[in-house]
Amino acid sequence: MSPHTYLPDSYPPVSGAAAPRTESAAPTATPTAAELLDFVRRAAADTDLIASLPLDPEGRTWVRLEGPGGSEAWLIGWPPGTGTGWHDHADSLGAFATAAGELTENSLAVRLPAGGWKTLELTEGVDRERRLAAGRGRAFGTHHVHEVLNESAAEHAVSVHAYYPPLPLIRRFSRSGAVLRLEHVERPEDWQ
């Protein structure tokens, strides 16, 4: 495995490759979701940056980027048929944009409790699906539960992601019908 590769169900470690610098608007002390979305869209449009990402047919690849205002940002390559599984980003807000290919985001249109639960039964009508072709992006708030997939059978996808504050943890979930189950919590020290 290359030093930039991580397993499909793992999040990129906090330490990693040297971060290419990307230009961004004047950062604020606390970037907003709109500023993160602007950053990921501009980075996704940077053809030299996108071309610099090594792609691996076996697993997702990543390079850490310099995000605005101290945010955590990543350039991620998605081989055909890969995805994240259901997860959230805890108290971080975020944004991502597709630079190449197409990604599907399945999400829940409901705010889940921050803690104190292991299993929830979801009500009807909370599922959302977005298809994000190259050039499209989206921002989201804290405790946003989603999964991101490259459903193509033949094409890689590439995307840019940014989170603020830098990820304090990721909660991973399993889903069976209407039942969402908290499986485990990952912290930054788990990614090193």
N, C-alpha and C. Protein backbone atom coordinates (compact mmCIF):
# COMPACT_ATOMS: atom_id res chain seq x y z
N MET A 1 0.83 -1.17 0.00
CA MET A 1 0.00 0.00 0.00
C MET A 1 0.88 1.25 0.00
N SER A 2 0.48 2.26 -0.76
CA SER A 2 1.25 3.50 -0.79
C SER A 2 1.07 4.24 0.54
N PRO A 3 1.96 5.19 0.87
CA PRO A 3 1.81 5.90 2.14
C PRO A 3 0.57 6.79 2.17
N HIS A 4 -0.08 7.02 1.04
CA HIS A 4 -1.26 7.87 1.00
C HIS A 4 -2.56 7.07 1.00
N THR A 5 -2.48 5.76 1.09
CA THR A 5 -3.66 4.94 0.97
C THR A 5 -4.19 4.55 2.33
N TYR A 6 -5.51 4.53 2.45
CA TYR A 6 -6.10 4.01 3.66
C TYR A 6 -7.22 3.07 3.29
N LEU A 7 -7.60 2.21 4.20
CA LEU A 7 -8.61 1.21 3.93
C LEU A 7 -9.97 1.85 3.74
N PRO A 8 -10.86 1.24 2.94
CA PRO A 8 -12.14 1.85 2.63
C PRO A 8 -12.97 2.25 3.84
N ASP A 9 -12.91 1.56 4.96
CA ASP A 9 -13.71 1.92 6.11
C ASP A 9 -12.93 2.72 7.13
N SER A 10 -11.75 3.19 6.78
CA SER A 10 -10.94 3.99 7.70
C SER A 10 -10.94 5.43 7.24
N TYR A 11 -10.75 6.32 8.18
CA TYR A 11 -10.64 7.72 7.83
C TYR A 11 -9.16 8.04 7.68
N PRO A 12 -8.80 9.02 6.86
CA PRO A 12 -7.37 9.32 6.71
C PRO A 12 -6.75 9.68 8.04
N PRO A 13 -5.56 9.19 8.32
CA PRO A 13 -4.90 9.58 9.55
C PRO A 13 -4.59 11.07 9.55
N VAL A 14 -4.44 11.62 10.74
CA VAL A 14 -4.15 13.04 10.86
C VAL A 14 -2.77 13.36 10.30
N SER A 15 -1.79 12.50 10.54
CA SER A 15 -0.48 12.72 9.95
C SER A 15 -0.45 12.03 8.60
N GLY A 16 0.35 12.52 7.70
CA GLY A 16 0.39 11.92 6.38
C GLY A 16 1.32 12.67 5.47
N ALA A 17 0.96 12.70 4.22
CA ALA A 17 1.79 13.29 3.20
C ALA A 17 1.93 14.79 3.39
N ALA A 18 2.96 15.33 2.80
CA ALA A 18 3.12 16.78 2.81
C ALA A 18 1.90 17.40 2.15
N ALA A 19 1.42 18.46 2.71
CA ALA A 19 0.19 19.07 2.22
C ALA A 19 0.49 20.10 1.14
N PRO A 20 -0.05 19.88 -0.07
CA PRO A 20 0.08 20.93 -1.07
C PRO A 20 -0.71 22.14 -0.59
N ARG A 21 -0.21 23.32 -0.85
CA ARG A 21 -0.93 24.52 -0.44
C ARG A 21 -1.92 24.89 -1.53
N THR A 22 -3.09 25.25 -1.11
CA THR A 22 -4.09 25.74 -2.05
C THR A 22 -4.45 27.15 -1.61
N GLU A 23 -4.67 28.02 -2.57
CA GLU A 23 -5.03 29.39 -2.24
C GLU A 23 -6.46 29.39 -1.75
N SER A 24 -6.72 30.21 -0.77
CA SER A 24 -8.08 30.35 -0.27
C SER A 24 -8.35 31.81 0.04
N ALA A 25 -9.63 32.12 0.17
CA ALA A 25 -10.02 33.48 0.53
C ALA A 25 -9.44 33.79 1.90
N ALA A 26 -9.38 35.05 2.24
CA ALA A 26 -8.86 35.45 3.54
C ALA A 26 -9.59 34.67 4.62
N PRO A 27 -8.87 33.82 5.37
CA PRO A 27 -9.54 32.99 6.35
C PRO A 27 -10.04 33.80 7.54
N THR A 28 -11.14 33.35 8.09
CA THR A 28 -11.65 33.96 9.31
C THR A 28 -11.19 33.09 10.47
N ALA A 29 -11.37 33.57 11.69
CA ALA A 29 -10.97 32.79 12.86
C ALA A 29 -11.75 31.49 12.91
N THR A 30 -13.01 31.53 12.53
CA THR A 30 -13.85 30.34 12.51
C THR A 30 -14.53 30.28 11.15
N PRO A 31 -14.06 29.40 10.26
CA PRO A 31 -14.69 29.36 8.93
C PRO A 31 -16.14 28.89 9.03
N THR A 32 -16.98 29.47 8.20
CA THR A 32 -18.38 29.06 8.11
C THR A 32 -18.51 27.91 7.13
N ALA A 33 -19.67 27.28 7.12
CA ALA A 33 -19.93 26.21 6.15
C ALA A 33 -19.82 26.76 4.73
N ALA A 34 -20.28 28.00 4.51
CA ALA A 34 -20.19 28.61 3.18
C ALA A 34 -18.74 28.81 2.76
N GLU A 35 -17.87 29.22 3.70
CA GLU A 35 -16.44 29.38 3.38
C GLU A 35 -15.79 28.04 3.09
N LEU A 36 -16.17 27.00 3.84
CA LEU A 36 -15.63 25.67 3.55
C LEU A 36 -16.08 25.20 2.18
N LEU A 37 -17.34 25.44 1.84
CA LEU A 37 -17.84 25.05 0.52
C LEU A 37 -17.12 25.80 -0.59
N ASP A 38 -16.89 27.09 -0.40
CA ASP A 38 -16.15 27.87 -1.39
C ASP A 38 -14.74 27.29 -1.57
N PHE A 39 -14.09 26.96 -0.46
CA PHE A 39 -12.75 26.38 -0.52
C PHE A 39 -12.74 25.05 -1.29
N VAL A 40 -13.64 24.13 -0.95
CA VAL A 40 -13.61 22.82 -1.61
C VAL A 40 -13.96 22.93 -3.09
N ARG A 41 -14.84 23.85 -3.45
CA ARG A 41 -15.17 24.04 -4.87
C ARG A 41 -13.97 24.57 -5.65
N ARG A 42 -13.27 25.56 -5.06
CA ARG A 42 -12.10 26.10 -5.75
C ARG A 42 -10.99 25.07 -5.85
N ALA A 43 -10.77 24.30 -4.77
CA ALA A 43 -9.74 23.26 -4.81
C ALA A 43 -10.11 22.18 -5.82
N ALA A 44 -11.38 21.81 -5.90
CA ALA A 44 -11.83 20.79 -6.85
C ALA A 44 -11.66 21.25 -8.30
N ALA A 45 -11.66 22.54 -8.52
CA ALA A 45 -11.47 23.08 -9.87
C ALA A 45 -10.00 23.24 -10.25
N ASP A 46 -9.08 23.00 -9.30
CA ASP A 46 -7.65 23.14 -9.54
C ASP A 46 -7.14 21.85 -10.21
N THR A 47 -7.03 21.87 -11.53
CA THR A 47 -6.68 20.65 -12.27
C THR A 47 -5.29 20.12 -11.91
N ASP A 48 -4.35 21.00 -11.62
CA ASP A 48 -3.01 20.53 -11.22
C ASP A 48 -3.07 19.80 -9.87
N LEU A 49 -3.82 20.35 -8.93
CA LEU A 49 -3.97 19.71 -7.63
C LEU A 49 -4.63 18.33 -7.79
N ILE A 50 -5.69 18.26 -8.54
CA ILE A 50 -6.42 16.99 -8.73
C ILE A 50 -5.51 15.96 -9.41
N ALA A 51 -4.74 16.39 -10.39
CA ALA A 51 -3.84 15.48 -11.10
C ALA A 51 -2.70 14.98 -10.20
N SER A 52 -2.41 15.70 -9.12
CA SER A 52 -1.30 15.30 -8.23
C SER A 52 -1.66 14.12 -7.32
N LEU A 53 -2.94 13.79 -7.22
CA LEU A 53 -3.37 12.71 -6.32
C LEU A 53 -3.07 11.34 -6.93
N PRO A 54 -2.28 10.51 -6.23
CA PRO A 54 -2.06 9.16 -6.74
C PRO A 54 -3.35 8.34 -6.58
N LEU A 55 -3.75 7.62 -7.61
CA LEU A 55 -4.96 6.80 -7.55
C LEU A 55 -4.56 5.34 -7.44
N ASP A 56 -5.28 4.60 -6.63
CA ASP A 56 -5.02 3.19 -6.37
C ASP A 56 -6.29 2.41 -6.71
N PRO A 57 -6.20 1.37 -7.54
CA PRO A 57 -7.41 0.62 -7.88
C PRO A 57 -7.98 -0.19 -6.72
N GLU A 58 -7.21 -0.37 -5.66
CA GLU A 58 -7.62 -1.22 -4.54
C GLU A 58 -8.29 -0.46 -3.40
N GLY A 59 -7.95 0.80 -3.19
CA GLY A 59 -8.49 1.52 -2.04
C GLY A 59 -8.42 3.01 -2.25
N ARG A 60 -9.14 3.74 -1.39
CA ARG A 60 -9.13 5.19 -1.48
C ARG A 60 -7.73 5.72 -1.16
N THR A 61 -7.40 6.83 -1.77
CA THR A 61 -6.13 7.51 -1.52
C THR A 61 -6.45 8.91 -1.04
N TRP A 62 -5.48 9.53 -0.36
CA TRP A 62 -5.73 10.84 0.22
C TRP A 62 -4.46 11.65 0.30
N VAL A 63 -4.63 12.94 0.30
CA VAL A 63 -3.56 13.90 0.59
C VAL A 63 -4.20 15.00 1.44
N ARG A 64 -3.53 15.34 2.52
CA ARG A 64 -4.03 16.41 3.38
C ARG A 64 -3.73 17.76 2.74
N LEU A 65 -4.68 18.68 2.83
CA LEU A 65 -4.54 20.01 2.26
C LEU A 65 -4.56 21.06 3.37
N GLU A 66 -4.10 22.23 3.04
CA GLU A 66 -4.16 23.37 3.94
C GLU A 66 -5.55 24.00 3.77
N GLY A 67 -6.41 23.84 4.76
CA GLY A 67 -7.77 24.38 4.68
C GLY A 67 -7.83 25.79 5.24
N PRO A 68 -8.93 26.50 4.99
CA PRO A 68 -9.06 27.88 5.47
C PRO A 68 -9.28 27.95 6.98
N GLY A 69 -8.68 28.93 7.62
CA GLY A 69 -8.93 29.21 9.03
C GLY A 69 -8.64 28.07 9.97
N GLY A 70 -7.65 27.23 9.65
CA GLY A 70 -7.30 26.12 10.53
C GLY A 70 -8.19 24.90 10.36
N SER A 71 -8.97 24.85 9.29
CA SER A 71 -9.82 23.68 9.04
C SER A 71 -8.98 22.50 8.58
N GLU A 72 -9.54 21.33 8.72
CA GLU A 72 -8.91 20.09 8.26
C GLU A 72 -9.45 19.82 6.86
N ALA A 73 -8.58 19.60 5.89
CA ALA A 73 -9.03 19.40 4.51
C ALA A 73 -8.29 18.22 3.88
N TRP A 74 -8.98 17.55 2.96
CA TRP A 74 -8.45 16.35 2.32
C TRP A 74 -8.82 16.32 0.84
N LEU A 75 -7.90 15.84 0.03
CA LEU A 75 -8.15 15.48 -1.36
C LEU A 75 -8.23 13.96 -1.35
N ILE A 76 -9.34 13.39 -1.83
CA ILE A 76 -9.57 11.94 -1.71
C ILE A 76 -9.90 11.34 -3.07
N GLY A 77 -9.24 10.20 -3.37
CA GLY A 77 -9.53 9.42 -4.57
C GLY A 77 -10.35 8.20 -4.21
N TRP A 78 -11.37 7.93 -4.99
CA TRP A 78 -12.34 6.87 -4.74
C TRP A 78 -12.33 5.88 -5.89
N PRO A 79 -11.78 4.67 -5.73
CA PRO A 79 -11.89 3.67 -6.79
C PRO A 79 -13.36 3.28 -7.01
N PRO A 80 -13.68 2.69 -8.15
CA PRO A 80 -15.05 2.25 -8.38
C PRO A 80 -15.54 1.35 -7.25
N GLY A 81 -16.78 1.57 -6.83
CA GLY A 81 -17.42 0.72 -5.85
C GLY A 81 -17.03 0.95 -4.40
N THR A 82 -16.33 2.02 -4.08
CA THR A 82 -15.92 2.27 -2.69
C THR A 82 -16.84 3.28 -2.02
N GLY A 83 -16.81 3.27 -0.69
CA GLY A 83 -17.63 4.21 0.06
C GLY A 83 -17.15 4.29 1.50
N THR A 84 -17.77 5.18 2.25
CA THR A 84 -17.35 5.44 3.62
C THR A 84 -18.09 4.62 4.65
N GLY A 85 -19.28 4.15 4.36
CA GLY A 85 -20.17 3.63 5.39
C GLY A 85 -20.81 4.80 6.11
N TRP A 86 -21.86 4.54 6.87
CA TRP A 86 -22.58 5.59 7.60
C TRP A 86 -21.71 6.14 8.72
N HIS A 87 -21.64 7.47 8.84
CA HIS A 87 -20.82 8.11 9.87
C HIS A 87 -21.27 9.57 10.04
N ASP A 88 -20.76 10.20 11.09
CA ASP A 88 -20.91 11.64 11.23
C ASP A 88 -19.56 12.23 11.61
N HIS A 89 -19.51 13.55 11.72
CA HIS A 89 -18.26 14.25 12.04
C HIS A 89 -18.37 15.01 13.35
N ALA A 90 -19.25 14.51 14.23
CA ALA A 90 -19.43 15.07 15.57
C ALA A 90 -19.73 16.57 15.50
N ASP A 91 -18.96 17.36 16.23
CA ASP A 91 -19.21 18.79 16.34
C ASP A 91 -18.60 19.61 15.21
N SER A 92 -18.09 18.97 14.18
CA SER A 92 -17.50 19.69 13.06
C SER A 92 -18.54 19.91 11.97
N LEU A 93 -18.52 21.11 11.38
CA LEU A 93 -19.30 21.32 10.18
C LEU A 93 -18.38 21.04 9.01
N GLY A 94 -18.93 20.83 7.84
CA GLY A 94 -18.08 20.44 6.74
C GLY A 94 -18.66 20.76 5.38
N ALA A 95 -17.85 20.43 4.37
CA ALA A 95 -18.25 20.60 2.98
C ALA A 95 -17.41 19.66 2.14
N PHE A 96 -17.97 19.24 1.01
CA PHE A 96 -17.16 18.49 0.05
C PHE A 96 -17.65 18.79 -1.36
N ALA A 97 -16.74 18.65 -2.31
CA ALA A 97 -17.05 18.86 -3.72
C ALA A 97 -16.38 17.78 -4.54
N THR A 98 -17.08 17.34 -5.56
CA THR A 98 -16.55 16.33 -6.47
C THR A 98 -15.72 17.03 -7.54
N ALA A 99 -14.50 16.54 -7.74
CA ALA A 99 -13.60 17.11 -8.74
C ALA A 99 -13.60 16.30 -10.03
N ALA A 100 -13.82 14.98 -9.92
CA ALA A 100 -13.83 14.09 -11.08
C ALA A 100 -14.78 12.94 -10.77
N GLY A 101 -15.45 12.44 -11.81
CA GLY A 101 -16.39 11.35 -11.61
C GLY A 101 -17.67 11.85 -10.97
N GLU A 102 -18.34 10.94 -10.26
CA GLU A 102 -19.58 11.29 -9.57
C GLU A 102 -19.64 10.55 -8.25
N LEU A 103 -20.06 11.24 -7.20
CA LEU A 103 -20.26 10.63 -5.89
C LEU A 103 -21.73 10.70 -5.53
N THR A 104 -22.17 9.72 -4.75
CA THR A 104 -23.52 9.72 -4.21
C THR A 104 -23.42 9.92 -2.71
N GLU A 105 -24.22 10.82 -2.19
CA GLU A 105 -24.30 11.01 -0.75
C GLU A 105 -25.70 10.60 -0.31
N ASN A 106 -25.76 9.60 0.58
CA ASN A 106 -27.00 9.26 1.27
C ASN A 106 -26.90 9.89 2.64
N SER A 107 -27.95 10.61 3.05
CA SER A 107 -27.91 11.28 4.34
C SER A 107 -29.26 11.18 5.03
N LEU A 108 -29.28 11.59 6.28
CA LEU A 108 -30.50 11.60 7.08
C LEU A 108 -30.90 13.04 7.35
N ALA A 109 -32.13 13.38 7.03
CA ALA A 109 -32.64 14.74 7.25
C ALA A 109 -33.25 14.82 8.64
N VAL A 110 -32.42 14.54 9.63
CA VAL A 110 -32.85 14.60 11.02
C VAL A 110 -31.60 14.81 11.87
N ARG A 111 -31.72 15.59 12.91
CA ARG A 111 -30.58 15.77 13.81
C ARG A 111 -30.63 14.69 14.87
N LEU A 112 -29.56 13.92 14.96
CA LEU A 112 -29.47 12.85 15.94
C LEU A 112 -28.93 13.39 17.25
N PRO A 113 -29.27 12.76 18.36
CA PRO A 113 -28.68 13.18 19.64
C PRO A 113 -27.15 13.03 19.59
N ALA A 114 -26.45 13.95 20.24
CA ALA A 114 -24.99 13.93 20.24
C ALA A 114 -24.44 12.72 20.99
N GLY A 115 -25.18 12.17 21.91
CA GLY A 115 -24.68 11.02 22.67
C GLY A 115 -25.80 10.40 23.49
N GLY A 116 -25.44 9.33 24.21
CA GLY A 116 -26.38 8.69 25.10
C GLY A 116 -27.28 7.67 24.44
N TRP A 117 -26.93 7.19 23.25
CA TRP A 117 -27.75 6.19 22.59
C TRP A 117 -26.86 5.20 21.84
N LYS A 118 -27.39 4.02 21.60
CA LYS A 118 -26.69 2.98 20.83
C LYS A 118 -27.49 2.58 19.60
N THR A 119 -28.83 2.63 19.69
CA THR A 119 -29.70 2.23 18.59
C THR A 119 -30.86 3.21 18.50
N LEU A 120 -31.16 3.64 17.28
CA LEU A 120 -32.30 4.52 17.02
C LEU A 120 -33.14 3.93 15.91
N GLU A 121 -34.45 4.08 16.02
CA GLU A 121 -35.33 3.72 14.91
C GLU A 121 -35.70 5.00 14.18
N LEU A 122 -35.38 5.06 12.91
CA LEU A 122 -35.62 6.25 12.10
C LEU A 122 -37.05 6.27 11.60
N THR A 123 -37.63 7.44 11.52
CA THR A 123 -38.98 7.56 10.99
C THR A 123 -38.93 7.61 9.48
N GLU A 124 -40.07 7.36 8.87
CA GLU A 124 -40.17 7.40 7.42
C GLU A 124 -39.91 8.81 6.91
N GLY A 125 -39.30 8.91 5.74
CA GLY A 125 -39.11 10.21 5.10
C GLY A 125 -37.85 10.97 5.48
N VAL A 126 -36.94 10.35 6.25
CA VAL A 126 -35.72 11.07 6.64
C VAL A 126 -34.56 10.84 5.68
N ASP A 127 -34.69 9.88 4.78
CA ASP A 127 -33.59 9.57 3.86
C ASP A 127 -33.51 10.57 2.72
N ARG A 128 -32.29 10.99 2.42
CA ARG A 128 -32.03 11.89 1.30
C ARG A 128 -30.90 11.29 0.46
N GLU A 129 -30.97 11.51 -0.84
CA GLU A 129 -29.89 11.07 -1.73
C GLU A 129 -29.53 12.23 -2.64
N ARG A 130 -28.22 12.46 -2.77
CA ARG A 130 -27.71 13.49 -3.68
C ARG A 130 -26.67 12.86 -4.57
N ARG A 131 -26.72 13.18 -5.83
CA ARG A 131 -25.67 12.77 -6.76
C ARG A 131 -24.88 14.02 -7.07
N LEU A 132 -23.57 13.92 -6.84
CA LEU A 132 -22.70 15.07 -7.01
C LEU A 132 -21.69 14.78 -8.12
N ALA A 133 -22.00 15.26 -9.31
CA ALA A 133 -21.09 15.12 -10.44
C ALA A 133 -19.94 16.12 -10.29
N ALA A 134 -18.92 15.98 -11.12
CA ALA A 134 -17.78 16.89 -11.07
C ALA A 134 -18.26 18.34 -11.10
N GLY A 135 -17.71 19.15 -10.19
CA GLY A 135 -18.06 20.55 -10.10
C GLY A 135 -19.16 20.84 -9.09
N ARG A 136 -19.82 19.82 -8.58
CA ARG A 136 -20.90 20.02 -7.60
C ARG A 136 -20.39 19.74 -6.19
N GLY A 137 -20.92 20.47 -5.24
CA GLY A 137 -20.53 20.29 -3.85
C GLY A 137 -21.68 20.57 -2.92
N ARG A 138 -21.43 20.36 -1.64
CA ARG A 138 -22.44 20.64 -0.62
C ARG A 138 -21.79 20.86 0.72
N ALA A 139 -22.46 21.64 1.54
CA ALA A 139 -22.00 21.90 2.90
C ALA A 139 -22.99 21.26 3.87
N PHE A 140 -22.54 21.01 5.10
CA PHE A 140 -23.42 20.42 6.10
C PHE A 140 -23.00 20.88 7.49
N GLY A 141 -23.95 20.77 8.41
CA GLY A 141 -23.72 21.21 9.78
C GLY A 141 -23.20 20.10 10.67
N THR A 142 -23.12 20.39 11.94
CA THR A 142 -22.63 19.43 12.91
C THR A 142 -23.58 18.24 13.02
N HIS A 143 -23.04 17.10 13.42
CA HIS A 143 -23.81 15.87 13.64
C HIS A 143 -24.56 15.41 12.40
N HIS A 144 -24.08 15.74 11.21
CA HIS A 144 -24.69 15.33 9.94
C HIS A 144 -24.31 13.88 9.69
N VAL A 145 -25.29 13.01 9.59
CA VAL A 145 -25.04 11.58 9.36
C VAL A 145 -25.21 11.29 7.88
N HIS A 146 -24.15 10.68 7.30
CA HIS A 146 -24.22 10.36 5.87
C HIS A 146 -23.27 9.23 5.53
N GLU A 147 -23.38 8.78 4.29
CA GLU A 147 -22.39 7.91 3.68
C GLU A 147 -22.13 8.47 2.30
N VAL A 148 -20.89 8.33 1.83
CA VAL A 148 -20.49 8.83 0.52
C VAL A 148 -19.98 7.63 -0.27
N LEU A 149 -20.46 7.51 -1.52
CA LEU A 149 -20.16 6.34 -2.34
C LEU A 149 -19.74 6.73 -3.75
N ASN A 150 -18.81 5.97 -4.32
CA ASN A 150 -18.55 6.02 -5.75
C ASN A 150 -19.23 4.77 -6.31
N GLU A 151 -20.40 4.94 -6.88
CA GLU A 151 -21.18 3.81 -7.36
C GLU A 151 -20.81 3.37 -8.77
N SER A 152 -19.86 4.05 -9.40
CA SER A 152 -19.42 3.67 -10.74
C SER A 152 -18.76 2.30 -10.71
N ALA A 153 -18.99 1.53 -11.75
CA ALA A 153 -18.34 0.22 -11.87
C ALA A 153 -16.98 0.33 -12.54
N ALA A 154 -16.68 1.49 -13.14
CA ALA A 154 -15.44 1.58 -13.92
C ALA A 154 -14.61 2.83 -13.69
N GLU A 155 -15.16 3.90 -13.17
CA GLU A 155 -14.46 5.18 -13.08
C GLU A 155 -14.10 5.57 -11.65
N HIS A 156 -12.87 6.07 -11.50
CA HIS A 156 -12.49 6.69 -10.22
C HIS A 156 -13.27 7.99 -10.05
N ALA A 157 -13.45 8.39 -8.82
CA ALA A 157 -13.96 9.73 -8.50
C ALA A 157 -12.90 10.39 -7.61
N VAL A 158 -12.87 11.70 -7.63
CA VAL A 158 -11.95 12.47 -6.78
C VAL A 158 -12.76 13.59 -6.16
N SER A 159 -12.51 13.85 -4.88
CA SER A 159 -13.25 14.91 -4.19
C SER A 159 -12.35 15.64 -3.21
N VAL A 160 -12.82 16.81 -2.79
CA VAL A 160 -12.13 17.63 -1.79
C VAL A 160 -13.09 17.82 -0.62
N HIS A 161 -12.59 17.64 0.62
CA HIS A 161 -13.39 17.73 1.83
C HIS A 161 -12.73 18.69 2.81
N ALA A 162 -13.53 19.42 3.58
CA ALA A 162 -13.00 20.31 4.62
C ALA A 162 -13.93 20.27 5.83
N TYR A 163 -13.33 20.33 7.03
CA TYR A 163 -14.08 20.26 8.29
C TYR A 163 -13.54 21.29 9.27
N TYR A 164 -14.45 21.92 10.01
CA TYR A 164 -14.05 22.81 11.08
C TYR A 164 -15.04 22.69 12.23
N PRO A 165 -14.53 22.56 13.46
CA PRO A 165 -13.11 22.43 13.80
C PRO A 165 -12.55 21.11 13.26
N PRO A 166 -11.20 21.00 13.23
CA PRO A 166 -10.62 19.72 12.80
C PRO A 166 -11.29 18.58 13.57
N LEU A 167 -11.50 17.49 12.89
CA LEU A 167 -12.32 16.39 13.41
C LEU A 167 -11.92 15.93 14.81
N PRO A 168 -12.82 16.12 15.80
CA PRO A 168 -12.53 15.65 17.15
C PRO A 168 -12.79 14.15 17.27
N LEU A 169 -13.72 13.67 16.44
CA LEU A 169 -14.04 12.24 16.41
C LEU A 169 -14.97 11.98 15.25
N ILE A 170 -15.10 10.71 14.91
CA ILE A 170 -16.07 10.26 13.92
C ILE A 170 -16.84 9.11 14.56
N ARG A 171 -18.17 9.21 14.51
CA ARG A 171 -18.99 8.09 14.97
C ARG A 171 -19.38 7.27 13.74
N ARG A 172 -19.17 5.95 13.82
CA ARG A 172 -19.50 5.04 12.73
C ARG A 172 -20.76 4.27 13.09
N PHE A 173 -21.65 4.12 12.09
CA PHE A 173 -22.93 3.49 12.30
C PHE A 173 -23.14 2.33 11.33
N SER A 174 -23.99 1.40 11.71
CA SER A 174 -24.50 0.41 10.77
C SER A 174 -25.97 0.72 10.58
N ARG A 175 -26.51 0.29 9.47
CA ARG A 175 -27.91 0.58 9.16
C ARG A 175 -28.57 -0.67 8.64
N SER A 176 -29.71 -1.01 9.21
CA SER A 176 -30.53 -2.13 8.76
C SER A 176 -31.96 -1.63 8.70
N GLY A 177 -32.43 -1.35 7.49
CA GLY A 177 -33.77 -0.78 7.35
C GLY A 177 -33.85 0.55 8.08
N ALA A 178 -34.82 0.67 9.01
CA ALA A 178 -35.01 1.92 9.75
C ALA A 178 -34.15 1.99 11.01
N VAL A 179 -33.35 0.97 11.28
CA VAL A 179 -32.56 0.94 12.52
C VAL A 179 -31.13 1.40 12.26
N LEU A 180 -30.74 2.44 12.97
CA LEU A 180 -29.37 2.97 12.91
C LEU A 180 -28.70 2.60 14.23
N ARG A 181 -27.54 1.96 14.15
CA ARG A 181 -26.85 1.49 15.35
C ARG A 181 -25.45 2.09 15.40
N LEU A 182 -25.11 2.69 16.53
CA LEU A 182 -23.76 3.19 16.76
C LEU A 182 -22.83 2.00 16.94
N GLU A 183 -21.82 1.87 16.08
CA GLU A 183 -20.90 0.73 16.14
C GLU A 183 -19.63 1.06 16.91
N HIS A 184 -19.02 2.20 16.60
CA HIS A 184 -17.83 2.61 17.34
C HIS A 184 -17.50 4.08 17.07
N VAL A 185 -16.64 4.61 17.93
CA VAL A 185 -16.21 6.00 17.84
C VAL A 185 -14.72 6.01 17.57
N GLU A 186 -14.30 6.76 16.56
CA GLU A 186 -12.88 6.91 16.24
C GLU A 186 -12.44 8.31 16.66
N ARG A 187 -11.25 8.37 17.22
CA ARG A 187 -10.65 9.65 17.63
C ARG A 187 -9.35 9.85 16.84
N PRO A 188 -8.86 11.10 16.76
CA PRO A 188 -7.65 11.36 15.96
C PRO A 188 -6.48 10.42 16.29
N GLU A 189 -6.31 10.06 17.55
CA GLU A 189 -5.18 9.17 17.88
C GLU A 189 -5.35 7.78 17.25
N ASP A 190 -6.58 7.41 16.90
CA ASP A 190 -6.82 6.13 16.23
C ASP A 190 -6.36 6.16 14.78
N TRP A 191 -6.20 7.34 14.20
CA TRP A 191 -5.85 7.47 12.80
C TRP A 191 -4.35 7.57 12.57
N GLN A 192 -3.57 7.60 13.64
CA GLN A 192 -2.12 7.78 13.48
C GLN A 192 -1.41 6.47 13.44
